[in-house]
Amino acid sequence: MSDMRIALVAEGKTDQIVIEAALKAILDRPFILTLLQPETSDPFGGAGSLGGGWGGVYRWCRQVVSMLCPVAENPDLAEFDMILLHVDADVAGMRYADANIRDGRTDLPCELPCPPAADTVNALREVVARWLDLPSAGDLPGKWLFCNPSKCVEAWVIASYENALPLLMGNIMQNIECKLSLESWLSIMPIRNRCLIRGGKKRTAGYRKAADQIQAEWRHVVHSCSQSARFDGEVRASLGVLGN
């Protein structure tokens, strides 16, 4: 059986690390994960010409639409068995101007009360679908999947350490999918003697060290974070549709 080919459009490199760890826990076959966005491009500051963050995801989507063919028939994406489209749920609280996007769109912010996390994620998925000129999130092509951690992917990282570091957790796990302060918490949380965030900047090496823990404790993450359970279920369901 050949390796599954998965493409990822994400906000950043650390998101790739966490999502790849989740996929290793979910999939029972080898796969090759290709990060399409952000690109690694030194001339453009390491995030490619479209930039990083959710603004880069938006610009990538608009670039796909500009090719003037249906999203599902895009020839540049034909080689992939699965295409993951990631934006964290905190984007629902943003405005387009926050990412220097000025095209007259008014569907952000779309944030709804949390809990439940799903309400905001559902609203955000509709917004992202419009980035691809799709009528609704339900029209996302079959091999395309959303990945929308709430409020951010760091919730999945923290949940994976709940059993390993119970004395450090305090009440952080209560409604963790509705909290916006997780990055500041990770900046003081030593994981294998390395903080994941230092000086306000995410440390790729720290996230790589956390990846094994995320994979090993993925079932606990799924139990603790509803949107990780949703991602898990949608990936598994997609495998059945794709015949993998």
Protein backbone atom coordinates (compact mmCIF):
# COMPACT_ATOMS: atom_id res chain seq x y z
CA MET A 1 0.00 0.00 0.00
CA SER A 2 1.47 3.34 -1.03
CA ASP A 3 1.83 6.22 1.37
CA MET A 4 -1.21 8.45 1.61
CA ARG A 5 -0.58 11.96 0.28
CA ILE A 6 -1.98 14.74 2.44
CA ALA A 7 -1.77 18.46 1.75
CA LEU A 8 -2.05 21.01 4.55
CA VAL A 9 -2.99 24.67 4.33
CA ALA A 10 -2.37 26.13 7.79
CA GLU A 11 -1.74 29.28 9.73
CA GLY A 12 1.83 28.32 10.63
CA LYS A 13 4.57 25.73 11.04
CA THR A 14 3.74 24.90 14.66
CA ASP A 15 0.16 24.13 13.62
CA GLN A 16 1.61 21.67 11.10
CA ILE A 17 3.51 19.90 13.88
CA VAL A 18 0.42 19.47 16.04
CA ILE A 19 -1.83 18.41 13.17
CA GLU A 20 0.74 15.90 11.91
CA ALA A 21 0.95 14.38 15.40
CA ALA A 22 -2.84 14.06 15.46
CA LEU A 23 -2.84 12.40 12.03
CA LYS A 24 -0.24 9.87 13.18
CA ALA A 25 -2.60 8.90 15.98
CA ILE A 26 -5.64 8.71 13.71
CA LEU A 27 -4.28 7.00 10.61
CA ASP A 28 -3.23 3.36 10.51
CA ARG A 29 -1.09 3.74 7.41
CA PRO A 30 1.97 5.77 6.39
CA PHE A 31 1.39 9.20 4.95
CA ILE A 32 3.33 12.10 3.52
CA LEU A 33 2.21 15.53 4.75
CA THR A 34 2.98 18.45 2.46
CA LEU A 35 2.63 21.98 3.80
CA LEU A 36 1.26 24.10 0.94
CA GLN A 37 0.73 27.24 3.01
CA PRO A 38 2.64 28.92 4.52
CA GLU A 39 5.50 28.33 2.13
CA THR A 40 9.07 28.32 3.35
CA SER A 41 10.59 31.24 1.52
CA ASP A 42 13.46 33.24 2.96
CA PRO A 43 12.99 36.21 0.57
CA PHE A 44 9.49 36.69 1.98
CA GLY A 45 10.35 36.39 5.66
CA GLY A 46 9.97 32.62 5.89
CA ALA A 47 6.22 32.48 5.19
CA GLY A 48 6.10 32.73 1.42
CA SER A 49 4.68 35.48 -0.76
CA LEU A 50 1.18 35.10 0.73
CA GLY A 51 2.36 35.62 4.28
CA GLY A 52 1.60 33.50 7.33
CA GLY A 53 -1.27 33.30 9.78
CA TRP A 54 -4.92 33.16 8.88
CA GLY A 55 -4.42 35.99 6.40
CA GLY A 56 -2.11 33.70 4.45
CA VAL A 57 -4.77 30.98 4.44
CA TYR A 58 -7.29 33.51 3.12
CA ARG A 59 -4.92 34.63 0.33
CA TRP A 60 -4.15 31.02 -0.59
CA CYS A 61 -7.88 30.31 -0.93
CA ARG A 62 -8.36 33.35 -3.14
CA GLN A 63 -5.38 32.29 -5.24
CA VAL A 64 -6.99 28.88 -5.78
CA VAL A 65 -10.24 30.56 -6.83
CA SER A 66 -8.37 32.81 -9.26
CA MET A 67 -7.38 29.78 -11.33
CA LEU A 68 -10.92 29.86 -12.78
CA CYS A 69 -11.68 26.18 -12.36
CA PRO A 70 -13.83 24.41 -9.76
CA VAL A 71 -11.99 23.90 -6.49
CA ALA A 72 -12.47 20.14 -6.72
CA GLU A 73 -10.82 20.08 -10.17
CA ASN A 74 -7.75 22.16 -9.38
CA PRO A 75 -4.90 20.42 -11.26
CA ASP A 76 -2.26 21.54 -8.74
CA LEU A 77 -4.05 19.58 -6.01
CA ALA A 78 -4.91 16.44 -7.99
CA GLU A 79 -1.97 14.45 -6.61
CA PHE A 80 -3.24 14.60 -3.03
CA ASP A 81 -5.56 12.09 -1.37
CA MET A 82 -6.64 14.58 1.30
CA ILE A 83 -6.44 18.36 1.65
CA LEU A 84 -6.68 19.87 5.13
CA LEU A 85 -7.71 23.49 5.54
CA HIS A 86 -6.74 24.83 8.96
CA VAL A 87 -7.70 28.01 10.77
CA ASP A 88 -8.06 28.30 14.53
CA ALA A 89 -11.47 29.28 15.89
CA ASP A 90 -10.09 32.51 17.35
CA VAL A 91 -10.13 33.86 13.79
CA ALA A 92 -13.90 34.18 14.24
CA GLY A 93 -13.20 37.12 16.56
CA MET A 94 -10.96 38.90 14.04
CA ARG A 95 -11.59 41.56 11.42
CA TYR A 96 -10.14 41.36 7.93
CA ALA A 97 -8.18 44.53 8.58
CA ASP A 98 -6.29 42.64 11.31
CA ALA A 99 -4.63 40.64 8.50
CA ASN A 100 -4.30 43.62 6.13
CA ILE A 101 -7.13 42.30 3.96
CA ARG A 102 -9.21 45.05 2.41
CA ASP A 103 -11.68 43.70 -0.12
CA GLY A 104 -14.98 44.81 1.36
CA ARG A 105 -15.89 41.56 3.10
CA THR A 106 -18.01 41.96 6.24
CA ASP A 107 -18.52 38.37 7.45
CA LEU A 108 -15.86 38.67 10.16
CA PRO A 109 -16.09 38.75 13.09
CA CYS A 110 -18.54 35.86 13.35
CA GLU A 111 -17.80 34.74 16.91
CA LEU A 112 -20.66 33.29 18.98
CA PRO A 113 -20.91 32.56 22.72
CA CYS A 114 -18.64 29.75 23.93
CA PRO A 115 -19.40 27.15 25.16
CA PRO A 116 -20.35 25.45 22.98
CA ALA A 117 -17.26 25.72 20.80
CA ALA A 118 -19.07 24.19 17.83
CA ASP A 119 -21.31 27.22 17.25
CA THR A 120 -18.37 29.52 16.52
CA VAL A 121 -16.57 26.85 14.49
CA ASN A 122 -19.65 26.27 12.36
CA ALA A 123 -19.94 30.00 11.67
CA LEU A 124 -16.24 30.23 10.83
CA ARG A 125 -16.44 27.29 8.44
CA GLU A 126 -19.13 29.13 6.49
CA VAL A 127 -16.82 32.14 6.23
CA VAL A 128 -13.88 30.04 5.03
CA ALA A 129 -16.12 28.32 2.47
CA ARG A 130 -16.85 31.75 1.02
CA TRP A 131 -13.10 32.36 0.71
CA LEU A 132 -13.23 29.50 -1.81
CA ASP A 133 -16.38 30.88 -3.46
CA LEU A 134 -18.39 27.90 -2.22
CA PRO A 135 -22.07 28.32 -1.34
CA SER A 136 -21.62 26.74 2.10
CA ALA A 137 -19.24 24.67 4.22
CA GLY A 138 -21.21 21.60 3.19
CA ASP A 139 -20.05 22.14 -0.38
CA LEU A 140 -16.38 21.57 0.47
CA PRO A 141 -15.13 18.92 -2.01
CA GLY A 142 -15.00 15.36 -0.73
CA LYS A 143 -11.27 15.05 -0.14
CA TRP A 144 -11.07 18.49 1.50
CA LEU A 145 -11.47 18.69 5.27
CA PHE A 146 -11.61 21.50 7.78
CA CYS A 147 -9.38 21.55 10.85
CA ASN A 148 -10.56 24.16 13.37
CA PRO A 149 -9.15 23.84 16.89
CA SER A 150 -10.96 26.02 19.44
CA LYS A 151 -9.90 28.60 20.31
CA CYS A 152 -6.43 27.58 19.12
CA VAL A 153 -4.42 24.46 18.45
CA GLU A 154 -2.60 24.97 21.75
CA ALA A 155 -5.70 23.58 23.47
CA TRP A 156 -4.82 20.21 21.95
CA VAL A 157 -1.22 20.51 23.16
CA ILE A 158 -2.27 21.31 26.71
CA ALA A 159 -4.89 18.56 26.82
CA SER A 160 -2.24 16.00 25.88
CA TYR A 161 -0.32 16.89 29.07
CA GLU A 162 -3.25 16.85 31.49
CA ASN A 163 -2.40 13.39 32.82
CA ALA A 164 1.37 13.90 32.74
CA LEU A 165 1.44 17.27 34.54
CA PRO A 166 -1.66 17.37 36.77
CA LEU A 167 -0.11 19.72 39.36
CA LEU A 168 0.51 22.39 36.71
CA MET A 169 -2.95 22.28 35.23
CA GLY A 170 -5.02 24.00 37.89
CA ASN A 171 -8.32 24.97 36.26
CA ILE A 172 -6.85 25.49 32.78
CA MET A 173 -8.80 22.52 31.39
CA GLN A 174 -12.18 23.93 32.38
CA ASN A 175 -13.78 25.19 29.15
CA ILE A 176 -10.34 25.10 27.55
CA GLU A 177 -11.84 25.44 24.06
CA CYS A 178 -13.23 28.85 25.01
CA LYS A 179 -9.99 30.38 26.32
CA LEU A 180 -7.83 32.87 24.46
CA SER A 181 -4.92 32.96 26.91
CA LEU A 182 -3.40 29.57 26.19
CA GLU A 183 -0.27 30.84 24.48
CA SER A 184 0.67 32.91 27.53
CA TRP A 185 0.13 29.84 29.70
CA LEU A 186 2.38 27.74 27.47
CA SER A 187 5.10 30.39 27.72
CA ILE A 188 5.60 29.40 31.38
CA MET A 189 4.94 25.67 31.04
CA PRO A 190 8.19 23.69 30.69
CA ILE A 191 7.78 20.66 28.41
CA ARG A 192 10.88 18.50 28.52
CA ASN A 193 12.69 21.54 29.92
CA ARG A 194 11.75 23.67 26.93
CA CYS A 195 8.94 26.22 26.84
CA LEU A 196 6.87 26.15 23.69
CA ILE A 197 6.58 29.92 23.59
CA ARG A 198 9.26 32.40 24.61
CA GLY A 199 9.23 36.15 24.24
CA GLY A 200 5.84 35.94 22.54
CA LYS A 201 7.23 33.71 19.77
CA LYS A 202 6.37 30.08 19.20
CA ARG A 203 9.40 27.78 19.36
CA THR A 204 9.26 25.16 16.65
CA ALA A 205 11.72 22.94 18.50
CA GLY A 206 9.48 22.99 21.57
CA TYR A 207 6.44 21.95 19.57
CA ARG A 208 8.42 19.13 17.98
CA LYS A 209 9.28 17.85 21.45
CA ALA A 210 5.59 17.93 22.37
CA ALA A 211 4.52 16.04 19.22
CA ASP A 212 5.13 12.55 20.64
CA GLN A 213 3.01 13.38 23.68
CA ILE A 214 0.17 14.65 21.48
CA GLN A 215 0.23 11.45 19.44
CA ALA A 216 0.44 9.18 22.49
CA GLU A 217 -2.37 10.99 24.36
CA TRP A 218 -4.59 11.72 21.36
CA ARG A 219 -7.50 9.74 22.79
CA HIS A 220 -7.39 11.96 25.86
CA VAL A 221 -7.24 15.07 23.67
CA VAL A 222 -10.32 13.85 21.81
CA HIS A 223 -12.09 13.30 25.13
CA SER A 224 -11.20 16.79 26.37
CA CYS A 225 -11.58 18.92 23.21
CA SER A 226 -14.75 18.60 21.16
CA GLN A 227 -13.19 20.03 18.00
CA SER A 228 -10.34 17.52 18.10
CA ALA A 229 -13.00 14.79 18.31
CA ARG A 230 -14.72 16.39 15.33
CA PHE A 231 -11.47 16.44 13.34
CA ASP A 232 -10.77 12.83 14.31
CA GLY A 233 -14.21 11.72 13.19
CA GLU A 234 -14.15 13.65 9.93
CA VAL A 235 -10.73 12.28 8.98
CA ARG A 236 -11.89 8.71 9.69
CA ALA A 237 -15.11 9.25 7.75
CA SER A 238 -13.16 10.67 4.81
CA LEU A 239 -10.99 7.57 4.69
CA GLY A 240 -14.10 5.49 4.20
CA VAL A 241 -15.31 7.72 1.38
CA LEU A 242 -11.91 7.71 -0.30
CA GLY A 243 -11.56 3.95 0.03
CA ASN A 244 -8.29 4.16 1.98
